[in-house]
Amino acid sequence: MPDTTKQKIVLVTGATGYIGRRLAHRLLQKGTVNVRLMVRNKEKVQASIAEQVDIREGSTFEKPALEAALEGVETAFYLIHSMGSADDYSNLDRISAENFRDACIAAGVRRIIYLGGLGVKESASEHLLSRIETGEILSAKPDAIETIWLRAGVIIGSGSASFEIIRNLCQKLPLMITPRWVRSRTQPIGIDDVLNYLESSIALPHQGNLIVDTGSEALSFQQMMEQAAKVMGLKRYLFPVPFLSPRLSSYWLILFTPIPYKLAAALVEGLKSETVLQNDNAARFYPEIQPATFKQAVADAIHELEQNQVLSRWCDSSAEQACDIRDFDNPAGAVLRDTRIISFNKGERQEDVFRSVCGIGGKNGWFRYNLLWRIRGVVDKLVGGSGLSRGRRSNTDLRIGDALDFWRVVDLKPGKRLLLHAQMKVPGDAWLEFDVQPHQLVQTAHFLPKGLWGRLYWYSVLPFHHFVFKDLSKTIVNSATKNQ
């Protein structure tokens, strides 16, 4: 349990997202505050820190939950956005920010710390404009509560969306035909420096509201690509042309990177205009922080990938329903099932088989019929799904809430059970369950169809199940023997 003797209680919202996960770990490592997390589902908090923090379930749209989460809090981090939840995400962002600000005031919170994006209203994309409006709402009552509004452009770190785009394009395409706006400038920043600014803002000796623009050197997207390629030991050539629209650029990204269309489109729109520092408050109020160069941030991110030490990824959490695992952690309502039972003898221990189960997907692939899985992934990407290219956070470790190609881990019982929920585009809800028993592996595909099309889909893919799923379960057991 957290140390309740500490004076300051700091609340981290969005604690299962890309920034929130890392910030929670950072604050726990420093040990100077008592950390409380507000999450929609406590099962998504990683087991390694669950006993060290105070976890409160709820959302900013539930006022009683907000009141409970903010009780006794001195500083509250607002790391929430609703993009992806619905077409009216801007309105949801406004309501969320107003609810949070007013609840903080009622609870006597001293300071809100918010992380938004660089940019100005006149040229901001729809997504960035929503982030600016969120900052304005949180800062709207300076007489009642102070707000530190940190602003960052492209964030570079292992698992960040921007870094994944740059890394994948550099590795896969030696020659790129690009839109003219790749010459628009931004000021990227490494994830470690973002965390430094967030952490330092807790005790920053400043009264009243403050807007702090952060970033390293000003670079165009083209320059970032060229510098990242050099860090990777590659030579890449970019040729901007006038006929590539944002829509075409977004489709280009989803083919060669793990990023889905909606996120790719938002990032592309954001890159069309310059997003550079509008003030020097980072240097004035945080002189101890010297942001790393873009090259150094890329090198650090690659090192984390190579060492298999990625703490969080862009797809860990979002406002999309598919990311809220609460409603998908039990396939009992599924009406169609395909079960494979593979027995194993004393030569394969239960824990070894389970370890093999947890190693599927990502770079490890899907064994003999990997090509069929990849084709299914490409089709899924083209119709707006997650696709196989999303991969996995770690090659050896899984946790509840992790993305695994076009699945998400919705239940995990060590040594016993792994349950995946499909995030591919299908006419219904699909699960893949692995139940490891003392002498057999029970692998079950569950499906809850939506209407006639759902049933037609199930029976059309059932013949492929005979080969693909049968091979999958057999190879998992065989791999367990080899890896002992």
Protein backbone atom coordinates (compact mmCIF):
# COMPACT_ATOMS: atom_id res chain seq x y z
CA MET A 1 0.00 0.00 0.00
CA PRO A 2 1.15 3.61 -0.53
CA ASP A 3 2.84 5.45 2.31
CA THR A 4 0.01 7.48 3.85
CA THR A 5 2.40 9.38 6.12
CA LYS A 6 3.56 11.57 3.23
CA GLN A 7 2.03 15.03 3.23
CA LYS A 8 1.37 15.66 -0.44
CA ILE A 9 -1.12 13.61 -2.42
CA VAL A 10 -0.66 13.87 -6.17
CA LEU A 11 -3.39 12.61 -8.50
CA VAL A 12 -2.50 11.29 -11.97
CA THR A 13 -5.39 10.99 -14.39
CA GLY A 14 -4.95 9.11 -17.65
CA ALA A 15 -2.65 6.81 -15.69
CA THR A 16 -2.90 3.91 -18.15
CA GLY A 17 -2.01 6.07 -21.15
CA TYR A 18 1.38 6.64 -22.75
CA ILE A 19 2.42 9.61 -20.58
CA GLY A 20 0.46 8.66 -17.47
CA ARG A 21 2.06 5.24 -17.03
CA ARG A 22 5.55 6.69 -17.23
CA LEU A 23 4.75 9.60 -14.95
CA ALA A 24 3.34 7.28 -12.27
CA HIS A 25 6.52 5.20 -12.37
CA ARG A 26 8.69 8.33 -12.22
CA LEU A 27 6.87 9.71 -9.16
CA LEU A 28 7.07 6.37 -7.37
CA GLN A 29 10.79 6.10 -8.06
CA LYS A 30 11.40 9.56 -6.58
CA GLY A 31 9.23 8.78 -3.55
CA THR A 32 8.63 12.42 -2.61
CA VAL A 33 4.83 12.35 -2.93
CA ASN A 34 1.96 10.02 -2.25
CA VAL A 35 0.66 8.88 -5.66
CA ARG A 36 -3.00 8.37 -6.43
CA LEU A 37 -4.22 7.16 -9.81
CA MET A 38 -7.63 7.76 -11.37
CA VAL A 39 -8.42 5.13 -14.00
CA ARG A 40 -11.49 3.74 -15.67
CA ASN A 41 -10.42 0.18 -14.90
CA LYS A 42 -8.01 -0.68 -12.09
CA GLU A 43 -7.13 -3.99 -13.76
CA LYS A 44 -5.12 -2.04 -16.35
CA VAL A 45 -2.73 -0.66 -13.72
CA GLN A 46 0.44 -2.72 -14.00
CA ALA A 47 0.85 -5.23 -11.20
CA SER A 48 4.36 -3.97 -10.39
CA ILE A 49 3.01 -0.70 -8.96
CA ALA A 50 -0.58 -1.57 -7.97
CA GLU A 51 0.34 -2.09 -4.31
CA GLN A 52 2.32 1.15 -4.15
CA VAL A 53 -0.41 3.54 -5.26
CA ASP A 54 -3.91 4.53 -4.24
CA ILE A 55 -6.16 3.54 -7.16
CA ARG A 56 -9.55 5.19 -7.68
CA GLU A 57 -11.87 4.03 -10.46
CA GLY A 58 -14.03 6.41 -12.45
CA SER A 59 -13.98 9.03 -15.17
CA THR A 60 -14.25 12.79 -15.41
CA PHE A 61 -17.86 12.35 -16.51
CA GLU A 62 -18.78 10.79 -13.15
CA LYS A 63 -18.90 13.56 -10.55
CA PRO A 64 -19.10 11.30 -7.45
CA ALA A 65 -16.03 9.39 -8.66
CA LEU A 66 -14.22 12.68 -9.29
CA GLU A 67 -14.99 13.90 -5.80
CA ALA A 68 -13.65 10.70 -4.26
CA ALA A 69 -10.49 10.75 -6.38
CA LEU A 70 -9.70 14.39 -5.53
CA GLU A 71 -10.25 14.20 -1.78
CA GLY A 72 -7.12 15.47 -0.02
CA VAL A 73 -5.23 16.04 -3.28
CA GLU A 74 -2.82 18.97 -3.48
CA THR A 75 -1.72 18.65 -7.13
CA ALA A 76 -3.67 17.00 -9.96
CA PHE A 77 -2.30 16.00 -13.36
CA TYR A 78 -4.76 16.23 -16.24
CA LEU A 79 -3.56 13.81 -18.95
CA ILE A 80 -6.89 13.03 -20.60
CA HIS A 81 -8.32 13.49 -24.08
CA SER A 82 -11.36 12.06 -25.81
CA MET A 83 -10.10 11.78 -29.39
CA GLY A 84 -11.32 8.53 -30.90
CA SER A 85 -14.33 8.12 -28.64
CA ALA A 86 -16.80 9.81 -30.99
CA ASP A 87 -17.09 12.40 -33.73
CA ASP A 88 -17.92 15.04 -31.11
CA TYR A 89 -14.72 14.46 -29.14
CA SER A 90 -14.12 18.22 -28.91
CA ASN A 91 -17.35 18.68 -26.98
CA LEU A 92 -16.47 15.74 -24.73
CA ASP A 93 -13.07 17.30 -24.08
CA ARG A 94 -14.74 20.56 -23.04
CA ILE A 95 -17.17 18.85 -20.67
CA SER A 96 -14.39 16.70 -19.20
CA ALA A 97 -12.12 19.70 -18.55
CA GLU A 98 -14.93 21.76 -16.98
CA ASN A 99 -15.94 18.88 -14.71
CA PHE A 100 -12.33 18.31 -13.64
CA ARG A 101 -11.56 21.99 -13.00
CA ASP A 102 -14.73 22.56 -10.96
CA ALA A 103 -14.23 19.36 -8.97
CA CYS A 104 -10.63 20.39 -8.20
CA ILE A 105 -11.82 23.77 -6.94
CA ALA A 106 -14.50 22.17 -4.76
CA ALA A 107 -11.93 19.73 -3.33
CA GLY A 108 -9.43 22.47 -2.51
CA VAL A 109 -6.77 21.28 -4.96
CA ARG A 110 -3.92 23.82 -5.14
CA ARG A 111 -2.63 23.19 -8.66
CA ILE A 112 -3.64 21.52 -11.92
CA ILE A 113 -0.84 20.45 -14.26
CA TYR A 114 -1.92 19.91 -17.86
CA LEU A 115 0.03 18.66 -20.87
CA GLY A 116 -1.19 20.02 -24.20
CA GLY A 117 0.29 20.63 -27.64
CA LEU A 118 2.26 23.43 -29.23
CA GLY A 119 0.46 25.62 -31.72
CA VAL A 120 -1.71 28.70 -32.15
CA LYS A 121 -5.46 28.84 -32.72
CA GLU A 122 -5.26 30.58 -36.10
CA SER A 123 -3.50 27.63 -37.78
CA ALA A 124 -4.28 24.74 -35.42
CA SER A 125 -5.76 21.47 -36.65
CA GLU A 126 -9.10 20.32 -35.22
CA HIS A 127 -7.38 17.98 -32.79
CA LEU A 128 -4.83 20.58 -31.65
CA LEU A 129 -7.55 23.21 -31.32
CA SER A 130 -9.37 20.91 -28.91
CA ARG A 131 -6.19 20.57 -26.83
CA ILE A 132 -5.81 24.37 -26.74
CA GLU A 133 -9.43 24.80 -25.66
CA THR A 134 -8.88 22.24 -22.91
CA GLY A 135 -5.97 24.28 -21.58
CA GLU A 136 -8.05 27.46 -21.67
CA ILE A 137 -10.88 25.81 -19.73
CA LEU A 138 -8.57 24.41 -17.06
CA SER A 139 -6.99 27.88 -16.70
CA ALA A 140 -10.25 29.85 -16.76
CA LYS A 141 -10.59 30.43 -12.99
CA PRO A 142 -7.17 31.65 -11.78
CA ASP A 143 -8.67 33.20 -8.64
CA ALA A 144 -9.87 29.77 -7.49
CA ILE A 145 -7.09 27.44 -8.68
CA GLU A 146 -3.74 27.78 -10.44
CA THR A 147 -2.91 25.87 -13.59
CA ILE A 148 0.45 25.06 -15.12
CA TRP A 149 -0.15 24.40 -18.79
CA LEU A 150 2.79 22.60 -20.35
CA ARG A 151 2.83 22.43 -24.14
CA ALA A 152 4.85 19.98 -26.23
CA GLY A 153 5.09 19.25 -29.94
CA VAL A 154 6.26 15.91 -31.34
CA ILE A 155 7.13 13.62 -28.42
CA ILE A 156 9.96 11.18 -29.12
CA GLY A 157 10.18 8.05 -26.99
CA SER A 158 9.96 4.30 -27.35
CA GLY A 159 6.33 3.49 -28.08
CA SER A 160 5.20 7.06 -28.86
CA ALA A 161 3.07 7.46 -31.98
CA SER A 162 5.41 10.03 -33.55
CA PHE A 163 8.49 7.91 -32.97
CA GLU A 164 6.77 4.78 -34.34
CA ILE A 165 5.89 6.65 -37.53
CA ILE A 166 9.43 7.97 -38.00
CA ARG A 167 11.09 4.66 -37.12
CA ASN A 168 8.90 2.55 -39.40
CA LEU A 169 9.17 4.89 -42.38
CA CYS A 170 12.96 5.10 -42.02
CA GLN A 171 13.37 1.36 -41.74
CA LYS A 172 11.00 0.41 -44.56
CA LEU A 173 11.38 3.12 -47.20
CA PRO A 174 14.79 4.19 -48.56
CA LEU A 175 13.03 6.61 -50.93
CA MET A 176 9.93 8.61 -49.99
CA ILE A 177 7.64 10.80 -52.05
CA THR A 178 6.22 13.18 -49.47
CA PRO A 179 3.78 16.14 -49.20
CA ARG A 180 5.22 19.64 -49.23
CA TRP A 181 4.23 20.19 -45.60
CA VAL A 182 7.03 17.85 -44.43
CA ARG A 183 9.02 21.11 -44.42
CA SER A 184 6.79 22.65 -41.73
CA ARG A 185 8.77 23.14 -38.55
CA THR A 186 8.08 21.83 -35.07
CA GLN A 187 10.17 21.50 -31.93
CA PRO A 188 10.32 17.85 -30.87
CA ILE A 189 11.04 16.77 -27.33
CA GLY A 190 12.17 13.51 -25.74
CA ILE A 191 9.81 11.69 -23.40
CA ASP A 192 12.29 11.90 -20.51
CA ASP A 193 12.29 15.69 -20.75
CA VAL A 194 8.48 15.77 -20.85
CA LEU A 195 8.48 13.78 -17.60
CA ASN A 196 11.10 16.12 -16.14
CA TYR A 197 8.89 19.15 -16.78
CA LEU A 198 5.78 17.39 -15.42
CA GLU A 199 7.52 16.25 -12.25
CA SER A 200 9.23 19.59 -11.63
CA SER A 201 5.89 21.39 -11.96
CA ILE A 202 4.62 19.85 -8.71
CA ALA A 203 6.88 21.96 -6.51
CA LEU A 204 7.54 24.83 -8.94
CA PRO A 205 7.76 28.05 -6.85
CA HIS A 206 5.25 30.04 -8.86
CA GLN A 207 1.87 31.51 -8.02
CA GLY A 208 -0.94 31.81 -10.52
CA ASN A 209 -1.34 30.38 -14.00
CA LEU A 210 1.61 29.67 -16.25
CA ILE A 211 1.91 28.50 -19.86
CA VAL A 212 5.19 26.72 -20.58
CA ASP A 213 6.20 25.83 -24.14
CA THR A 214 8.75 23.02 -24.28
CA GLY A 215 10.94 21.53 -26.99
CA SER A 216 14.43 21.12 -28.36
CA GLU A 217 15.74 22.50 -31.67
CA ALA A 218 13.29 23.54 -34.40
CA LEU A 219 13.17 20.91 -37.17
CA SER A 220 10.97 20.06 -40.11
CA PHE A 221 9.50 16.57 -40.38
CA GLN A 222 11.90 16.00 -43.27
CA GLN A 223 14.87 16.93 -41.09
CA MET A 224 13.61 14.66 -38.32
CA MET A 225 13.40 11.77 -40.77
CA GLU A 226 16.90 12.42 -42.08
CA GLN A 227 18.41 12.72 -38.60
CA ALA A 228 16.60 9.63 -37.31
CA ALA A 229 17.89 7.65 -40.29
CA LYS A 230 21.45 8.70 -39.45
CA VAL A 231 21.01 7.52 -35.87
CA MET A 232 19.86 4.16 -37.26
CA GLY A 233 22.79 4.01 -39.65
CA LEU A 234 20.59 4.48 -42.72
CA LYS A 235 20.51 6.85 -45.67
CA ARG A 236 17.06 8.05 -46.69
CA TYR A 237 15.84 10.43 -49.40
CA LEU A 238 12.65 12.50 -49.23
CA PHE A 239 11.16 14.28 -52.25
CA PRO A 240 8.26 16.63 -51.41
CA VAL A 241 5.58 16.92 -54.13
CA PRO A 242 2.45 19.12 -54.32
CA PHE A 243 -0.17 16.47 -55.09
CA LEU A 244 -0.23 14.38 -51.91
CA SER A 245 -3.27 15.43 -49.87
CA PRO A 246 -3.59 14.88 -46.10
CA ARG A 247 -6.01 12.02 -46.77
CA LEU A 248 -3.59 10.26 -49.12
CA SER A 249 -0.76 10.87 -46.68
CA SER A 250 -2.79 9.28 -43.89
CA TYR A 251 -3.43 6.15 -45.97
CA TRP A 252 0.28 6.03 -46.77
CA LEU A 253 1.09 6.06 -43.07
CA ILE A 254 -1.30 3.25 -42.15
CA LEU A 255 0.29 1.00 -44.79
CA PHE A 256 3.83 1.39 -43.49
CA THR A 257 3.40 2.16 -39.79
CA PRO A 258 1.40 0.67 -36.87
CA ILE A 259 -0.75 3.81 -36.60
CA PRO A 260 -4.49 3.50 -37.46
CA TYR A 261 -6.16 5.92 -39.85
CA LYS A 262 -7.87 8.20 -37.31
CA LEU A 263 -4.66 8.84 -35.38
CA ALA A 264 -2.62 9.16 -38.57
CA ALA A 265 -5.04 11.75 -39.93
CA ALA A 266 -4.83 13.79 -36.71
CA LEU A 267 -1.02 13.73 -36.76
CA VAL A 268 -0.89 14.67 -40.45
CA GLU A 269 -3.26 17.60 -39.92
CA GLY A 270 -1.12 18.76 -37.02
CA LEU A 271 2.04 18.74 -39.15
CA LYS A 272 0.55 20.97 -41.83
CA SER A 273 1.23 24.10 -39.78
CA GLU A 274 4.24 25.15 -37.72
CA THR A 275 4.19 24.27 -34.04
CA VAL A 276 7.06 26.13 -32.42
CA LEU A 277 7.65 27.73 -29.02
CA GLN A 278 5.64 30.88 -28.32
CA ASN A 279 7.40 31.72 -25.05
CA ASP A 280 10.67 31.11 -23.19
CA ASN A 281 9.09 30.08 -19.89
CA ALA A 282 10.73 26.65 -19.97
CA ALA A 283 14.18 28.24 -19.77
CA ARG A 284 13.05 30.89 -17.27
CA PHE A 285 11.25 28.68 -14.77
CA TYR A 286 12.97 25.32 -15.34
CA PRO A 287 16.63 26.30 -15.89
CA GLU A 288 17.82 22.95 -14.53
CA ILE A 289 16.21 21.10 -17.47
CA GLN A 290 18.27 21.11 -20.66
CA PRO A 291 16.22 19.26 -23.31
CA ALA A 292 18.06 16.53 -25.16
CA THR A 293 18.59 16.95 -28.90
CA PHE A 294 16.31 15.15 -31.31
CA LYS A 295 19.10 12.71 -32.21
CA GLN A 296 19.69 11.85 -28.57
CA ALA A 297 15.97 11.30 -27.96
CA VAL A 298 15.84 8.92 -30.95
CA ALA A 299 18.93 7.06 -29.71
CA ASP A 300 17.39 6.68 -26.24
CA ALA A 301 14.14 5.36 -27.71
CA ILE A 302 15.96 2.82 -29.88
CA HIS A 303 17.99 1.68 -26.88
CA GLU A 304 14.80 1.00 -24.88
CA LEU A 305 13.42 -1.01 -27.80
CA GLU A 306 16.57 -3.05 -28.16
CA GLN A 307 16.67 -3.73 -24.41
CA ASN A 308 12.98 -4.72 -24.41
CA GLN A 309 12.27 -2.03 -21.80
CA VAL A 310 9.27 -0.22 -23.29
CA LEU A 311 7.14 0.91 -20.36
CA SER A 312 4.20 2.27 -22.35
CA ARG A 313 2.99 2.62 -25.94
CA TRP A 314 0.72 4.95 -27.85
CA CYS A 315 -1.96 2.23 -28.04
CA ASP A 316 -2.00 1.39 -24.32
CA SER A 317 -5.12 3.42 -23.75
CA SER A 318 -7.44 5.77 -25.54
CA ALA A 319 -10.99 6.99 -25.35
CA GLU A 320 -12.13 4.31 -27.77
CA GLN A 321 -14.56 1.77 -26.35
CA ALA A 322 -12.33 -1.07 -27.53
CA CYS A 323 -9.65 0.11 -25.12
CA ASP A 324 -11.96 -0.10 -22.11
CA ILE A 325 -11.49 -3.78 -21.30
CA ARG A 326 -14.13 -3.89 -18.56
CA ASP A 327 -16.92 -4.89 -20.95
CA PHE A 328 -14.81 -7.42 -22.82
CA ASP A 329 -13.11 -9.52 -20.13
CA ASN A 330 -15.73 -12.29 -20.17
CA PRO A 331 -16.80 -14.06 -23.40
CA ALA A 332 -19.63 -15.93 -21.66
CA GLY A 333 -22.20 -14.25 -23.91
CA ALA A 334 -20.58 -15.56 -27.10
CA VAL A 335 -22.88 -17.93 -28.99
CA LEU A 336 -20.35 -19.40 -31.45
CA ARG A 337 -17.19 -21.22 -30.44
CA ASP A 338 -14.33 -23.19 -31.95
CA THR A 339 -12.28 -25.16 -29.40
CA ARG A 340 -8.97 -26.97 -29.84
CA ILE A 341 -7.56 -29.21 -27.10
CA ILE A 342 -3.92 -30.23 -27.24
CA SER A 343 -2.63 -32.64 -24.60
CA PHE A 344 0.93 -32.56 -23.36
CA ASN A 345 2.85 -34.96 -21.15
CA LYS A 346 5.24 -34.48 -18.28
CA GLY A 347 7.88 -33.24 -20.71
CA GLU A 348 5.97 -29.96 -21.07
CA ARG A 349 5.33 -28.21 -17.80
CA GLN A 350 2.24 -26.05 -17.38
CA GLU A 351 4.27 -22.90 -16.74
CA ASP A 352 6.39 -23.51 -19.86
CA VAL A 353 3.30 -23.86 -22.03
CA PHE A 354 1.85 -20.68 -20.57
CA ARG A 355 5.10 -18.83 -21.25
CA SER A 356 4.88 -20.02 -24.85
CA VAL A 357 1.28 -18.79 -25.04
CA CYS A 358 2.39 -15.34 -23.89
CA GLY A 359 5.06 -15.22 -26.61
CA ILE A 360 2.74 -15.20 -29.63
CA GLY A 361 2.37 -12.27 -32.01
CA GLY A 362 4.51 -9.22 -32.69
CA LYS A 363 7.99 -10.07 -33.94
CA ASN A 364 7.46 -13.65 -32.75
CA GLY A 365 4.71 -14.09 -35.36
CA TRP A 366 1.88 -16.61 -35.61
CA PHE A 367 3.89 -19.66 -36.69
CA ARG A 368 3.18 -21.78 -39.77
CA TYR A 369 0.30 -19.73 -41.16
CA ASN A 370 1.88 -16.37 -40.40
CA LEU A 371 1.26 -15.22 -44.01
CA LEU A 372 -2.50 -15.68 -43.60
CA TRP A 373 -2.42 -13.68 -40.38
CA ARG A 374 -0.49 -10.91 -42.15
CA ILE A 375 -2.95 -10.81 -45.04
CA ARG A 376 -5.80 -10.55 -42.54
CA GLY A 377 -3.90 -7.72 -40.84
CA VAL A 378 -3.45 -5.77 -44.08
CA VAL A 379 -7.14 -6.13 -44.93
CA ASP A 380 -8.03 -4.96 -41.44
CA LYS A 381 -5.81 -1.87 -41.77
CA LEU A 382 -7.37 -0.97 -45.12
CA VAL A 383 -10.88 -0.96 -43.61
CA GLY A 384 -9.83 1.16 -40.62
CA GLY A 385 -8.84 -1.51 -38.09
CA SER A 386 -5.73 -1.91 -35.95
CA GLY A 387 -3.85 -4.38 -38.16
CA LEU A 388 -1.04 -6.73 -37.19
CA SER A 389 1.63 -4.04 -37.49
CA ARG A 390 0.69 -2.66 -34.09
CA GLY A 391 2.82 -5.47 -32.63
CA ARG A 392 3.36 -5.74 -28.88
CA ARG A 393 5.06 -3.71 -26.16
CA SER A 394 7.44 -6.48 -25.05
CA ASN A 395 8.60 -9.64 -26.80
CA THR A 396 8.50 -11.63 -23.56
CA ASP A 397 5.99 -10.00 -21.24
CA LEU A 398 2.26 -9.25 -21.33
CA ARG A 399 0.02 -7.31 -18.98
CA ILE A 400 -3.71 -6.62 -18.89
CA GLY A 401 -4.55 -3.82 -21.32
CA ASP A 402 -1.58 -4.50 -23.61
CA ALA A 403 -2.10 -4.37 -27.36
CA LEU A 404 -1.03 -7.56 -29.15
CA ASP A 405 -1.26 -7.04 -32.91
CA PHE A 406 -4.99 -6.60 -33.56
CA TRP A 407 -5.92 -8.09 -30.17
CA ARG A 408 -5.95 -6.60 -26.68
CA VAL A 409 -5.17 -8.50 -23.48
CA VAL A 410 -8.38 -8.36 -21.42
CA ASP A 411 -7.63 -11.05 -18.85
CA LEU A 412 -4.40 -12.62 -17.66
CA LYS A 413 -4.01 -15.18 -14.90
CA PRO A 414 -0.31 -16.09 -14.62
CA GLY A 415 0.38 -19.71 -15.47
CA LYS A 416 -3.26 -20.36 -16.28
CA ARG A 417 -5.24 -18.13 -18.66
CA LEU A 418 -4.75 -15.55 -21.41
CA LEU A 419 -7.83 -13.93 -22.94
CA LEU A 420 -7.55 -11.69 -26.00
CA HIS A 421 -10.33 -9.50 -27.39
CA ALA A 422 -10.26 -8.70 -31.10
CA GLN A 423 -9.80 -5.10 -32.18
CA MET A 424 -9.92 -5.99 -35.84
CA LYS A 425 -12.95 -4.92 -37.86
CA VAL A 426 -15.45 -7.78 -37.55
CA PRO A 427 -19.29 -7.86 -37.52
CA GLY A 428 -19.44 -8.77 -33.84
CA ASP A 429 -17.19 -9.36 -30.86
CA ALA A 430 -14.41 -11.96 -31.01
CA TRP A 431 -12.13 -13.44 -28.36
CA LEU A 432 -9.24 -15.89 -28.40
CA GLU A 433 -8.79 -17.74 -25.12
CA PHE A 434 -5.92 -19.92 -23.95
CA ASP A 435 -6.64 -22.05 -20.88
CA VAL A 436 -3.51 -23.90 -19.75
CA GLN A 437 -4.39 -26.90 -17.61
CA PRO A 438 -1.96 -29.36 -15.93
CA HIS A 439 -1.79 -31.67 -18.97
CA GLN A 440 -3.58 -29.89 -21.79
CA LEU A 441 -3.96 -26.58 -23.58
CA VAL A 442 -7.55 -25.56 -24.33
CA GLN A 443 -7.66 -22.92 -27.05
CA THR A 444 -11.07 -21.43 -27.85
CA ALA A 445 -12.22 -18.84 -30.38
CA HIS A 446 -15.40 -17.14 -29.11
CA PHE A 447 -17.68 -15.05 -31.29
CA LEU A 448 -20.76 -12.96 -30.60
CA PRO A 449 -22.16 -12.09 -34.06
CA LYS A 450 -24.05 -8.92 -34.90
CA GLY A 451 -26.95 -9.86 -37.11
CA LEU A 452 -26.91 -12.05 -40.19
CA TRP A 453 -23.60 -10.62 -41.48
CA GLY A 454 -21.93 -11.68 -38.27
CA ARG A 455 -23.00 -15.28 -38.67
CA LEU A 456 -22.04 -15.32 -42.35
CA TYR A 457 -18.61 -13.98 -41.39
CA TRP A 458 -18.09 -16.69 -38.77
CA TYR A 459 -18.98 -19.57 -41.06
CA SER A 460 -16.92 -18.11 -43.91
CA VAL A 461 -13.73 -18.08 -41.79
CA LEU A 462 -14.41 -21.37 -40.00
CA PRO A 463 -12.57 -23.47 -42.64
CA PHE A 464 -9.44 -21.36 -42.06
CA HIS A 465 -9.76 -21.94 -38.32
CA HIS A 466 -9.30 -25.67 -38.93
CA PHE A 467 -5.78 -25.08 -40.20
CA VAL A 468 -4.70 -21.87 -38.49
CA PHE A 469 -5.93 -22.46 -34.93
CA LYS A 470 -5.03 -26.13 -34.92
CA ASP A 471 -1.46 -25.28 -35.96
CA LEU A 472 -1.31 -22.42 -33.44
CA SER A 473 -2.13 -24.59 -30.43
CA LYS A 474 0.18 -27.41 -31.52
CA THR A 475 3.10 -25.10 -32.15
CA ILE A 476 2.63 -23.39 -28.79
CA VAL A 477 2.96 -26.72 -26.99
CA ASN A 478 5.90 -27.82 -29.15
CA SER A 479 7.67 -24.50 -28.54
CA ALA A 480 7.31 -24.99 -24.81
CA THR A 481 9.33 -28.23 -25.05
CA LYS A 482 12.06 -26.67 -27.19
CA ASN A 483 12.49 -23.66 -24.92
CA GLN A 484 12.87 -25.56 -21.66
